[in-house]
């Protein structure tokens, strides 16, 4: 049974938030076509030899993470990149708002993330996601879930990490939902490590899918130590509970540990 999440903390639409929101979306509207053009050129140039779309993903990471610098009152910090294994792995992250994807891009690490199918239809954003071959999932569709798992399995076998939000939907930033077992079963089947990626402060920046953003924001991304699924035998539920406990402990801390990498 899935735990119920408390009501999401609302973004207060203060004059500062209204000004920041207007500035952010104006900046996005002006820069998105330029980024689409550059991304398309990178995609076309590297298409003959970059089957895994690593180049376009690297571009998307750096483009999107720059938006967290859109305001001088926004702070974004990533720690623990050195803990990311060089080979295939299942990265799992908590899910608070649409800003989670942007924050996770700050890992600057190759991966394919699982996203709801509707995002692939969003102009500019969805087109770049298609170029990068990210993995789509239609919620509530067993067939789509099977296709998503198969796509993730294929990427792992090609040496490409995948990033999954095991809660399956936004928690709203106040506590974790139950973790679904799929990501952990996948790691066990493919004998790859699970890497927890803890996201803090994204619900403070934007609630759910927005559109309002806060005038101030402090986002932290922390990569925890990889976990080998071998020690959990064939019990993905136990692995999910263990990883969820690590998230709870990390989210309860006032700050993150390790060296700072901005």
C-alpha atoms as a PDB file:
ATOM      1  CA  UNK A   1       0.000   0.000   0.000  1.00  0.00           C
ATOM      2  CA  UNK A   2       1.367   3.395  -0.974  1.00  0.00           C
ATOM      3  CA  UNK A   3       1.855   5.890   1.829  1.00  0.00           C
ATOM      4  CA  UNK A   4      -0.059   9.108   1.475  1.00  0.00           C
ATOM      5  CA  UNK A   5       1.992  12.261   1.183  1.00  0.00           C
ATOM      6  CA  UNK A   6       1.092  15.402   3.107  1.00  0.00           C
ATOM      7  CA  UNK A   7      -0.152  18.348   1.143  1.00  0.00           C
ATOM      8  CA  UNK A   8       2.515  20.005  -0.970  1.00  0.00           C
ATOM      9  CA  UNK A   9       4.038  23.226   0.346  1.00  0.00           C
ATOM     10  CA  UNK A  10       2.634  25.958  -1.836  1.00  0.00           C
ATOM     11  CA  UNK A  11       4.849  28.461  -3.592  1.00  0.00           C
ATOM     12  CA  UNK A  12       3.913  31.806  -2.086  1.00  0.00           C
ATOM     13  CA  UNK A  13       3.071  34.188  -4.908  1.00  0.00           C
ATOM     14  CA  UNK A  14       4.731  37.215  -3.354  1.00  0.00           C
ATOM     15  CA  UNK A  15       5.762  40.193  -5.500  1.00  0.00           C
ATOM     16  CA  UNK A  16       9.280  38.746  -5.527  1.00  0.00           C
ATOM     17  CA  UNK A  17       8.027  35.347  -6.655  1.00  0.00           C
ATOM     18  CA  UNK A  18       5.874  36.935  -9.359  1.00  0.00           C
ATOM     19  CA  UNK A  19       8.834  38.908 -10.711  1.00  0.00           C
ATOM     20  CA  UNK A  20      11.114  35.865 -10.563  1.00  0.00           C
ATOM     21  CA  UNK A  21       8.496  33.715 -12.306  1.00  0.00           C
ATOM     22  CA  UNK A  22       8.080  36.252 -15.106  1.00  0.00           C
ATOM     23  CA  UNK A  23      11.843  36.558 -15.512  1.00  0.00           C
ATOM     24  CA  UNK A  24      12.397  32.787 -15.515  1.00  0.00           C
ATOM     25  CA  UNK A  25       9.787  31.999 -18.172  1.00  0.00           C
ATOM     26  CA  UNK A  26      10.887  34.960 -20.306  1.00  0.00           C
ATOM     27  CA  UNK A  27      14.458  33.673 -20.112  1.00  0.00           C
ATOM     28  CA  UNK A  28      13.283  30.196 -21.068  1.00  0.00           C
ATOM     29  CA  UNK A  29      11.223  31.496 -24.002  1.00  0.00           C
ATOM     30  CA  UNK A  30      14.189  33.471 -25.352  1.00  0.00           C
ATOM     31  CA  UNK A  31      16.867  30.812 -24.869  1.00  0.00           C
ATOM     32  CA  UNK A  32      14.905  27.625 -25.661  1.00  0.00           C
ATOM     33  CA  UNK A  33      14.916  28.125 -29.469  1.00  0.00           C
ATOM     34  CA  UNK A  34      18.661  28.775 -29.393  1.00  0.00           C
ATOM     35  CA  UNK A  35      19.244  25.671 -27.307  1.00  0.00           C
ATOM     36  CA  UNK A  36      17.022  23.633 -29.619  1.00  0.00           C
ATOM     37  CA  UNK A  37      19.061  24.781 -32.620  1.00  0.00           C
ATOM     38  CA  UNK A  38      22.365  23.965 -30.928  1.00  0.00           C
ATOM     39  CA  UNK A  39      21.030  20.652 -29.669  1.00  0.00           C
ATOM     40  CA  UNK A  40      19.793  19.700 -33.131  1.00  0.00           C
ATOM     41  CA  UNK A  41      23.171  20.512 -34.671  1.00  0.00           C
ATOM     42  CA  UNK A  42      24.950  18.408 -32.044  1.00  0.00           C
ATOM     43  CA  UNK A  43      22.479  15.586 -32.615  1.00  0.00           C
ATOM     44  CA  UNK A  44      22.920  15.612 -36.401  1.00  0.00           C
ATOM     45  CA  UNK A  45      26.699  15.942 -36.265  1.00  0.00           C
ATOM     46  CA  UNK A  46      27.160  13.073 -33.785  1.00  0.00           C
ATOM     47  CA  UNK A  47      24.377  10.819 -35.116  1.00  0.00           C
ATOM     48  CA  UNK A  48      26.649   8.604 -37.276  1.00  0.00           C
ATOM     49  CA  UNK A  49      28.936   7.582 -34.394  1.00  0.00           C
ATOM     50  CA  UNK A  50      27.085   8.343 -31.122  1.00  0.00           C
ATOM     51  CA  UNK A  51      24.502   5.552 -30.923  1.00  0.00           C
ATOM     52  CA  UNK A  52      23.946   6.124 -27.209  1.00  0.00           C
ATOM     53  CA  UNK A  53      23.332   9.869 -27.669  1.00  0.00           C
ATOM     54  CA  UNK A  54      25.916  10.777 -25.057  1.00  0.00           C
ATOM     55  CA  UNK A  55      26.786  14.095 -26.695  1.00  0.00           C
ATOM     56  CA  UNK A  56      23.234  15.433 -26.829  1.00  0.00           C
ATOM     57  CA  UNK A  57      22.685  14.288 -23.232  1.00  0.00           C
ATOM     58  CA  UNK A  58      25.820  16.148 -22.101  1.00  0.00           C
ATOM     59  CA  UNK A  59      24.525  19.275 -23.841  1.00  0.00           C
ATOM     60  CA  UNK A  60      21.069  18.927 -22.257  1.00  0.00           C
ATOM     61  CA  UNK A  61      22.648  18.509 -18.814  1.00  0.00           C
ATOM     62  CA  UNK A  62      24.611  21.722 -19.060  1.00  0.00           C
ATOM     63  CA  UNK A  63      21.804  23.701 -20.675  1.00  0.00           C
ATOM     64  CA  UNK A  64      19.102  22.729 -18.193  1.00  0.00           C
ATOM     65  CA  UNK A  65      21.280  23.035 -15.091  1.00  0.00           C
ATOM     66  CA  UNK A  66      22.084  26.623 -16.080  1.00  0.00           C
ATOM     67  CA  UNK A  67      18.435  27.506 -15.457  1.00  0.00           C
ATOM     68  CA  UNK A  68      19.063  26.940 -11.756  1.00  0.00           C
ATOM     69  CA  UNK A  69      21.363  29.969 -12.028  1.00  0.00           C
ATOM     70  CA  UNK A  70      18.603  32.141 -13.497  1.00  0.00           C
ATOM     71  CA  UNK A  71      18.278  34.153 -10.279  1.00  0.00           C
ATOM     72  CA  UNK A  72      21.048  35.399  -7.981  1.00  0.00           C
ATOM     73  CA  UNK A  73      18.853  34.241  -5.080  1.00  0.00           C
ATOM     74  CA  UNK A  74      18.826  30.643  -6.304  1.00  0.00           C
ATOM     75  CA  UNK A  75      21.527  28.301  -5.080  1.00  0.00           C
ATOM     76  CA  UNK A  76      22.241  24.840  -6.468  1.00  0.00           C
ATOM     77  CA  UNK A  77      24.904  22.486  -5.172  1.00  0.00           C
ATOM     78  CA  UNK A  78      25.878  18.953  -6.250  1.00  0.00           C
ATOM     79  CA  UNK A  79      27.958  16.660  -4.066  1.00  0.00           C
ATOM     80  CA  UNK A  80      29.294  13.164  -4.453  1.00  0.00           C
ATOM     81  CA  UNK A  81      29.708  12.991  -8.224  1.00  0.00           C
ATOM     82  CA  UNK A  82      32.830  10.921  -7.591  1.00  0.00           C
ATOM     83  CA  UNK A  83      30.592   8.157  -6.191  1.00  0.00           C
ATOM     84  CA  UNK A  84      28.922   7.578  -9.552  1.00  0.00           C
ATOM     85  CA  UNK A  85      30.214   4.287 -10.985  1.00  0.00           C
ATOM     86  CA  UNK A  86      31.670   4.414 -14.507  1.00  0.00           C
ATOM     87  CA  UNK A  87      29.549   1.556 -15.829  1.00  0.00           C
ATOM     88  CA  UNK A  88      25.853   0.649 -15.864  1.00  0.00           C
ATOM     89  CA  UNK A  89      23.842   1.373 -12.725  1.00  0.00           C
ATOM     90  CA  UNK A  90      20.311   2.122 -11.618  1.00  0.00           C
ATOM     91  CA  UNK A  91      20.213   5.663 -10.240  1.00  0.00           C
ATOM     92  CA  UNK A  92      17.207   6.296  -7.997  1.00  0.00           C
ATOM     93  CA  UNK A  93      16.072   9.750  -6.876  1.00  0.00           C
ATOM     94  CA  UNK A  94      13.283  11.105  -4.716  1.00  0.00           C
ATOM     95  CA  UNK A  95      10.596  13.056  -6.561  1.00  0.00           C
ATOM     96  CA  UNK A  96       9.305  16.402  -5.247  1.00  0.00           C
ATOM     97  CA  UNK A  97       8.560  18.566  -8.297  1.00  0.00           C
ATOM     98  CA  UNK A  98       9.360  19.134 -11.962  1.00  0.00           C
ATOM     99  CA  UNK A  99      12.627  20.745 -10.830  1.00  0.00           C
ATOM    100  CA  UNK A 100      13.954  17.289  -9.891  1.00  0.00           C
ATOM    101  CA  UNK A 101      14.869  16.482 -13.490  1.00  0.00           C
ATOM    102  CA  UNK A 102      16.735  19.779 -13.830  1.00  0.00           C
ATOM    103  CA  UNK A 103      18.570  19.221 -10.544  1.00  0.00           C
ATOM    104  CA  UNK A 104      19.547  15.666 -11.517  1.00  0.00           C
ATOM    105  CA  UNK A 105      21.015  16.971 -14.769  1.00  0.00           C
ATOM    106  CA  UNK A 106      23.634  18.625 -12.563  1.00  0.00           C
ATOM    107  CA  UNK A 107      25.232  15.219 -12.091  1.00  0.00           C
ATOM    108  CA  UNK A 108      26.831  15.783 -15.532  1.00  0.00           C
ATOM    109  CA  UNK A 109      26.867  12.008 -15.923  1.00  0.00           C
ATOM    110  CA  UNK A 110      25.604   9.859 -18.798  1.00  0.00           C
ATOM    111  CA  UNK A 111      22.222   8.224 -18.112  1.00  0.00           C
ATOM    112  CA  UNK A 112      18.741   7.741 -19.527  1.00  0.00           C
ATOM    113  CA  UNK A 113      15.965   8.895 -17.239  1.00  0.00           C
ATOM    114  CA  UNK A 114      12.429   7.567 -17.139  1.00  0.00           C
ATOM    115  CA  UNK A 115       9.821  10.271 -17.743  1.00  0.00           C
ATOM    116  CA  UNK A 116       6.070  10.431 -18.067  1.00  0.00           C
ATOM    117  CA  UNK A 117       5.057  10.204 -21.713  1.00  0.00           C
ATOM    118  CA  UNK A 118       3.366  13.616 -21.803  1.00  0.00           C
ATOM    119  CA  UNK A 119       6.705  15.414 -21.477  1.00  0.00           C
ATOM    120  CA  UNK A 120       7.819  14.029 -24.827  1.00  0.00           C
ATOM    121  CA  UNK A 121       5.094  16.131 -26.492  1.00  0.00           C
ATOM    122  CA  UNK A 122       6.199  19.437 -24.931  1.00  0.00           C
ATOM    123  CA  UNK A 123       7.768  21.710 -27.572  1.00  0.00           C
ATOM    124  CA  UNK A 124      11.563  22.029 -27.359  1.00  0.00           C
ATOM    125  CA  UNK A 125      11.820  19.987 -24.140  1.00  0.00           C
ATOM    126  CA  UNK A 126      10.152  16.906 -25.596  1.00  0.00           C
ATOM    127  CA  UNK A 127      11.988  17.175 -28.900  1.00  0.00           C
ATOM    128  CA  UNK A 128      15.346  17.177 -27.129  1.00  0.00           C
ATOM    129  CA  UNK A 129      14.224  14.274 -24.934  1.00  0.00           C
ATOM    130  CA  UNK A 130      13.433  12.281 -28.073  1.00  0.00           C
ATOM    131  CA  UNK A 131      16.841  13.091 -29.546  1.00  0.00           C
ATOM    132  CA  UNK A 132      18.511  11.873 -26.346  1.00  0.00           C
ATOM    133  CA  UNK A 133      16.458   8.653 -26.351  1.00  0.00           C
ATOM    134  CA  UNK A 134      15.155   9.044 -22.825  1.00  0.00           C
ATOM    135  CA  UNK A 135      12.667   6.428 -21.666  1.00  0.00           C
ATOM    136  CA  UNK A 136       8.945   7.166 -21.719  1.00  0.00           C
ATOM    137  CA  UNK A 137       6.305   5.770 -19.389  1.00  0.00           C
ATOM    138  CA  UNK A 138       2.536   6.099 -19.637  1.00  0.00           C
ATOM    139  CA  UNK A 139       1.211   5.960 -16.104  1.00  0.00           C
ATOM    140  CA  UNK A 140      -1.392   3.312 -15.452  1.00  0.00           C
ATOM    141  CA  UNK A 141      -0.527   1.314 -18.568  1.00  0.00           C
ATOM    142  CA  UNK A 142       0.846  -2.191 -17.863  1.00  0.00           C
ATOM    143  CA  UNK A 143       2.040  -2.442 -21.461  1.00  0.00           C
ATOM    144  CA  UNK A 144       3.943   0.826 -21.168  1.00  0.00           C
ATOM    145  CA  UNK A 145       5.505  -0.327 -17.904  1.00  0.00           C
ATOM    146  CA  UNK A 146       6.768  -3.497 -19.575  1.00  0.00           C
ATOM    147  CA  UNK A 147       8.185  -1.495 -22.487  1.00  0.00           C
ATOM    148  CA  UNK A 148       9.842   0.919 -20.072  1.00  0.00           C
ATOM    149  CA  UNK A 149      11.474  -1.918 -18.138  1.00  0.00           C
ATOM    150  CA  UNK A 150      12.672  -3.532 -21.354  1.00  0.00           C
ATOM    151  CA  UNK A 151      14.117  -0.226 -22.592  1.00  0.00           C
ATOM    152  CA  UNK A 152      15.947   0.274 -19.286  1.00  0.00           C
ATOM    153  CA  UNK A 153      17.212  -3.299 -19.414  1.00  0.00           C
ATOM    154  CA  UNK A 154      18.581  -2.754 -22.919  1.00  0.00           C
ATOM    155  CA  UNK A 155      20.343   0.459 -21.908  1.00  0.00           C
ATOM    156  CA  UNK A 156      21.970  -1.222 -18.926  1.00  0.00           C
ATOM    157  CA  UNK A 157      23.224  -4.024 -21.149  1.00  0.00           C
ATOM    158  CA  UNK A 158      24.814  -1.409 -23.386  1.00  0.00           C
ATOM    159  CA  UNK A 159      26.657   0.027 -20.393  1.00  0.00           C
ATOM    160  CA  UNK A 160      24.349   3.024 -19.933  1.00  0.00           C
ATOM    161  CA  UNK A 161      22.997   3.958 -16.471  1.00  0.00           C
ATOM    162  CA  UNK A 162      19.290   4.667 -16.056  1.00  0.00           C
ATOM    163  CA  UNK A 163      17.662   7.100 -13.625  1.00  0.00           C
ATOM    164  CA  UNK A 164      14.298   6.210 -12.100  1.00  0.00           C
ATOM    165  CA  UNK A 165      12.049   7.986  -9.585  1.00  0.00           C
ATOM    166  CA  UNK A 166      10.837   4.985  -7.534  1.00  0.00           C
ATOM    167  CA  UNK A 167       8.031   6.935  -5.856  1.00  0.00           C
ATOM    168  CA  UNK A 168       6.386   7.176  -9.262  1.00  0.00           C
ATOM    169  CA  UNK A 169       4.936  10.650  -8.673  1.00  0.00           C
ATOM    170  CA  UNK A 170       5.605  13.878  -6.777  1.00  0.00           C
ATOM    171  CA  UNK A 171       5.808  13.635  -2.994  1.00  0.00           C
ATOM    172  CA  UNK A 172       5.511  17.399  -2.623  1.00  0.00           C
ATOM    173  CA  UNK A 173       8.663  17.735  -0.554  1.00  0.00           C
ATOM    174  CA  UNK A 174       7.153  16.587   2.756  1.00  0.00           C
ATOM    175  CA  UNK A 175       8.156  13.012   3.322  1.00  0.00           C
ATOM    176  CA  UNK A 176       8.703  10.091   0.980  1.00  0.00           C
ATOM    177  CA  UNK A 177       6.100   7.958  -0.711  1.00  0.00           C
ATOM    178  CA  UNK A 178       6.584   4.206  -0.774  1.00  0.00           C
ATOM    179  CA  UNK A 179       9.219   3.082  -3.266  1.00  0.00           C
ATOM    180  CA  UNK A 180       7.944   0.873  -6.064  1.00  0.00           C
ATOM    181  CA  UNK A 181       9.945  -2.296  -6.565  1.00  0.00           C
ATOM    182  CA  UNK A 182      10.588  -2.046 -10.335  1.00  0.00           C
ATOM    183  CA  UNK A 183      13.884  -0.141 -10.210  1.00  0.00           C
ATOM    184  CA  UNK A 184      15.272  -2.513  -7.595  1.00  0.00           C
ATOM    185  CA  UNK A 185      14.125  -5.660  -9.376  1.00  0.00           C
ATOM    186  CA  UNK A 186      15.812  -4.305 -12.500  1.00  0.00           C
ATOM    187  CA  UNK A 187      19.111  -3.793 -10.649  1.00  0.00           C
ATOM    188  CA  UNK A 188      18.932  -7.341  -9.304  1.00  0.00           C
ATOM    189  CA  UNK A 189      18.148  -8.870 -12.687  1.00  0.00           C
ATOM    190  CA  UNK A 190      20.996  -7.045 -14.403  1.00  0.00           C
ATOM    191  CA  UNK A 191      23.460  -7.339 -11.487  1.00  0.00           C
ATOM    192  CA  UNK A 192      24.208  -3.607 -11.396  1.00  0.00           C
ATOM    193  CA  UNK A 193      24.513  -1.298  -8.378  1.00  0.00           C
ATOM    194  CA  UNK A 194      21.761   0.962  -7.104  1.00  0.00           C
ATOM    195  CA  UNK A 195      22.937   4.557  -6.628  1.00  0.00           C
ATOM    196  CA  UNK A 196      20.753   6.787  -4.403  1.00  0.00           C
ATOM    197  CA  UNK A 197      20.580  10.417  -5.568  1.00  0.00           C
ATOM    198  CA  UNK A 198      19.075  12.596  -2.838  1.00  0.00           C
ATOM    199  CA  UNK A 199      17.362  15.805  -3.977  1.00  0.00           C
ATOM    200  CA  UNK A 200      16.609  18.577  -1.492  1.00  0.00           C
ATOM    201  CA  UNK A 201      14.855  21.897  -2.011  1.00  0.00           C
ATOM    202  CA  UNK A 202      13.258  21.312  -5.413  1.00  0.00           C
ATOM    203  CA  UNK A 203       9.744  21.601  -3.965  1.00  0.00           C
ATOM    204  CA  UNK A 204      10.835  24.916  -2.473  1.00  0.00           C
ATOM    205  CA  UNK A 205      11.670  26.185  -5.956  1.00  0.00           C
ATOM    206  CA  UNK A 206       8.520  25.070  -7.747  1.00  0.00           C
ATOM    207  CA  UNK A 207       5.415  23.196  -6.666  1.00  0.00           C
ATOM    208  CA  UNK A 208       4.568  20.180  -8.813  1.00  0.00           C
ATOM    209  CA  UNK A 209       4.491  21.255 -12.453  1.00  0.00           C
ATOM    210  CA  UNK A 210       4.409  24.965 -11.636  1.00  0.00           C
ATOM    211  CA  UNK A 211       4.197  27.482 -13.170  1.00  0.00           C
ATOM    212  CA  UNK A 212       5.125  29.738 -10.235  1.00  0.00           C
ATOM    213  CA  UNK A 213       8.671  29.686  -8.864  1.00  0.00           C
ATOM    214  CA  UNK A 214       9.949  31.077  -5.590  1.00  0.00           C
ATOM    215  CA  UNK A 215      12.145  34.132  -5.348  1.00  0.00           C
ATOM    216  CA  UNK A 216      14.606  32.172  -3.190  1.00  0.00           C
ATOM    217  CA  UNK A 217      15.731  28.585  -3.553  1.00  0.00           C
ATOM    218  CA  UNK A 218      18.424  26.339  -2.112  1.00  0.00           C
ATOM    219  CA  UNK A 219      18.719  23.052  -4.013  1.00  0.00           C
ATOM    220  CA  UNK A 220      21.094  20.317  -2.936  1.00  0.00           C
ATOM    221  CA  UNK A 221      21.902  17.119  -4.804  1.00  0.00           C
ATOM    222  CA  UNK A 222      23.836  14.384  -3.009  1.00  0.00           C
ATOM    223  CA  UNK A 223      25.018  11.099  -4.476  1.00  0.00           C
ATOM    224  CA  UNK A 224      25.209   8.378  -1.822  1.00  0.00           C
ATOM    225  CA  UNK A 225      27.417   5.301  -1.940  1.00  0.00           C
ATOM    226  CA  UNK A 226      26.384   2.673  -4.515  1.00  0.00           C
ATOM    227  CA  UNK A 227      24.624  -0.381  -3.093  1.00  0.00           C
ATOM    228  CA  UNK A 228      25.192  -3.872  -4.446  1.00  0.00           C
ATOM    229  CA  UNK A 229      21.900  -5.743  -4.811  1.00  0.00           C
ATOM    230  CA  UNK A 230      23.701  -9.073  -4.326  1.00  0.00           C
ATOM    231  CA  UNK A 231      23.499  -8.780  -0.538  1.00  0.00           C
ATOM    232  CA  UNK A 232      19.685  -8.788  -0.746  1.00  0.00           C
ATOM    233  CA  UNK A 233      19.396 -12.086  -2.600  1.00  0.00           C
ATOM    234  CA  UNK A 234      16.262 -12.100  -4.745  1.00  0.00           C
ATOM    235  CA  UNK A 235      14.232  -9.731  -2.588  1.00  0.00           C
ATOM    236  CA  UNK A 236      13.762  -6.380  -4.372  1.00  0.00           C
ATOM    237  CA  UNK A 237      11.262  -5.243  -1.730  1.00  0.00           C
ATOM    238  CA  UNK A 238      13.897  -5.511   0.981  1.00  0.00           C
ATOM    239  CA  UNK A 239      16.355  -3.595  -1.204  1.00  0.00           C
ATOM    240  CA  UNK A 240      13.719  -0.911  -1.800  1.00  0.00           C
ATOM    241  CA  UNK A 241      13.098  -0.582   1.957  1.00  0.00           C
ATOM    242  CA  UNK A 242      16.817  -0.317   2.641  1.00  0.00           C
ATOM    243  CA  UNK A 243      17.339   2.377   0.031  1.00  0.00           C
ATOM    244  CA  UNK A 244      14.256   4.282   1.192  1.00  0.00           C
ATOM    245  CA  UNK A 245      15.646   4.286   4.746  1.00  0.00           C
ATOM    246  CA  UNK A 246      18.856   5.839   3.419  1.00  0.00           C
ATOM    247  CA  UNK A 247      16.813   8.565   1.730  1.00  0.00           C
ATOM    248  CA  UNK A 248      14.870   9.248   4.922  1.00  0.00           C
ATOM    249  CA  UNK A 249      18.096   9.610   6.895  1.00  0.00           C
ATOM    250  CA  UNK A 250      19.709  11.872   4.291  1.00  0.00           C
ATOM    251  CA  UNK A 251      16.638  14.083   3.944  1.00  0.00           C
ATOM    252  CA  UNK A 252      16.456  14.484   7.732  1.00  0.00           C
ATOM    253  CA  UNK A 253      19.959  15.943   7.860  1.00  0.00           C
ATOM    254  CA  UNK A 254      20.232  19.759   7.815  1.00  0.00           C
ATOM    255  CA  UNK A 255      22.977  19.613   5.187  1.00  0.00           C
ATOM    256  CA  UNK A 256      24.714  17.159   2.928  1.00  0.00           C
ATOM    257  CA  UNK A 257      28.110  15.618   3.460  1.00  0.00           C
ATOM    258  CA  UNK A 258      31.122  15.407   1.239  1.00  0.00           C
ATOM    259  CA  UNK A 259      32.981  17.810  -0.969  1.00  0.00           C
ATOM    260  CA  UNK A 260      31.111  20.626  -2.646  1.00  0.00           C
ATOM    261  CA  UNK A 261      30.855  20.713  -6.425  1.00  0.00           C
ATOM    262  CA  UNK A 262      28.831  23.541  -7.862  1.00  0.00           C
END
